Protein backbone atom coordinates (compact mmCIF):
# COMPACT_ATOMS: atom_id res chain seq x y z
CA THR A 1 50.15 -107.57 -64.17
CA GLN A 2 48.42 -110.62 -64.82
CA THR A 3 47.51 -111.41 -68.57
CA LEU A 4 45.54 -113.96 -69.72
CA HIS A 5 46.37 -115.36 -73.05
CA THR A 6 44.69 -118.00 -74.87
CA THR A 7 45.80 -119.71 -78.84
CA TYR A 8 43.55 -120.58 -81.00
CA ALA A 9 44.02 -123.99 -83.19
CA ASP A 10 43.99 -121.39 -86.35
CA GLY A 11 46.59 -119.74 -85.13
CA LEU A 12 45.05 -116.93 -83.40
CA GLU A 13 46.21 -115.49 -79.76
CA VAL A 14 44.61 -113.41 -78.06
CA PHE A 15 45.59 -111.71 -75.27
CA GLU A 16 43.79 -110.20 -72.14
CA PHE A 17 45.39 -107.84 -69.95
CA SER A 18 44.46 -106.84 -66.80
CA ASN A 19 44.19 -102.87 -67.79
CA ARG A 20 41.34 -104.19 -69.55
CA GLN A 21 43.61 -103.97 -72.38
CA GLN A 22 43.06 -106.64 -75.56
CA GLU A 23 45.05 -107.81 -78.09
CA LYS A 24 44.12 -110.63 -80.79
CA HIS A 25 47.71 -111.32 -82.90
CA PHE A 26 47.17 -113.45 -86.19
CA PRO A 27 48.45 -115.86 -88.13
CA ASP A 28 49.40 -113.09 -91.28
CA GLY A 29 51.16 -111.22 -88.26
CA GLY A 30 48.70 -108.69 -87.90
CA LYS A 31 47.30 -107.23 -85.11
CA GLU A 32 44.16 -105.45 -83.55
CA ILE A 33 44.06 -104.20 -80.65
CA LEU A 34 41.24 -102.52 -78.40
CA PHE A 35 42.63 -100.39 -75.46
CA PRO A 36 40.50 -99.17 -72.16
CA ASP A 37 39.72 -96.18 -73.42
CA GLY A 38 37.61 -97.57 -77.09
CA THR A 39 40.37 -96.93 -79.03
CA LEU A 40 41.11 -100.29 -81.50
CA LYS A 41 44.22 -99.88 -83.27
CA PHE A 42 44.84 -103.07 -86.91
CA ILE A 43 48.33 -103.24 -87.12
CA HIS A 44 47.48 -105.15 -90.66
CA ALA A 45 50.39 -107.52 -91.64
CA SER A 46 52.16 -104.62 -94.60
CA LYS A 47 52.70 -102.45 -91.44
CA GLU A 48 49.98 -100.42 -92.14
CA GLU A 49 48.12 -98.88 -89.41
CA GLU A 50 44.97 -97.85 -88.66
CA SER A 51 43.36 -96.17 -85.50
CA VAL A 52 39.98 -95.51 -84.72
CA PHE A 53 39.05 -93.44 -81.73
CA PRO A 54 36.27 -92.86 -79.67
CA ASP A 55 34.34 -89.78 -81.61
CA GLY A 56 35.38 -91.26 -84.33
CA THR A 57 38.00 -89.82 -85.91
CA VAL A 58 40.02 -92.60 -87.40
CA GLN A 59 43.54 -92.21 -88.73
CA ARG A 60 46.20 -94.04 -91.10
CA ILE A 61 49.82 -94.27 -90.92
CA LEU A 62 50.84 -95.70 -94.45
CA ARG A 63 53.61 -97.78 -94.88
CA ASP A 64 55.94 -94.46 -96.22
CA GLY A 65 55.17 -93.16 -92.47
CA THR A 66 52.48 -90.89 -93.99
CA ARG A 67 49.79 -90.47 -91.30
CA VAL A 68 46.23 -89.92 -92.37
CA ILE A 69 43.49 -88.82 -90.66
CA GLU A 70 40.08 -88.19 -91.34
CA PHE A 71 37.85 -86.21 -88.58
CA THR A 72 34.12 -86.98 -87.65
CA SER A 73 33.47 -83.70 -89.02
CA GLY A 74 34.36 -85.22 -93.29
CA LEU A 75 37.80 -82.91 -92.82
CA ARG A 76 40.97 -84.84 -93.94
CA GLU A 77 45.02 -84.08 -93.17
CA THR A 78 47.59 -85.42 -94.55
CA VAL A 79 51.15 -85.39 -92.37
CA ARG A 80 54.30 -86.36 -94.12
CA PRO A 81 56.80 -88.21 -92.82
CA ASP A 82 58.67 -84.52 -92.75
CA GLY A 83 56.09 -83.47 -90.49
CA SER A 84 55.24 -81.17 -94.24
CA LYS A 85 51.09 -81.41 -94.18
């Protein structure tokens, strides 16, 4: 695979992959990943994650492993690390 890697003076690194995936790696340790299907994922320096799917659904993964999913209908689902809701 061919990857274009650009590093900016402020420490930002941008990776562009041949499959159209793009990643930004920020100096504070955070990352932003844009997948070819349009899904956008943020990995914060705190290690919490947030994904925004093409249909508008948002999933957050908290530091303790809890997943919070917010659907476009307004429904919100919480799944704990042990799988309980």
